[in-house]
Amino acid sequence: MHLGADSTDDFDVLRSGRTGLVLGHRVLAPSTLGTFLRSFTFGHVDQLDGVLGESLRRAWQAGAGVTAFVRRWLWSRSAASGCCG
């Protein structure tokens, strides 16, 4: 899904060509992926949501996030224009 697939059927494209050689293993059928994804419960989703939330919180506390990006972008624009320093 990270590569632009809209459904599990789109994963069938991965079975073509030499994808298995690149990955180092045989690429399974899309139905296998669907079976795997259906095995997740709402409890699993809540756990993953909690882990993601905590990871984002820690990253933002460490200085990551939109504010750091905006600061770097503004600094690069002002440095390029010769303004402010």
Foldseek 3Di string as FASTA:
>chain_A
DVVDDPALQVCVVCQPDCNCVVVVHHDDHSVVVVVVVVVDDVVNVVVVVVVVVVVVVVCVVVPDDDVNVVVVVVVVVCVVVVHDD
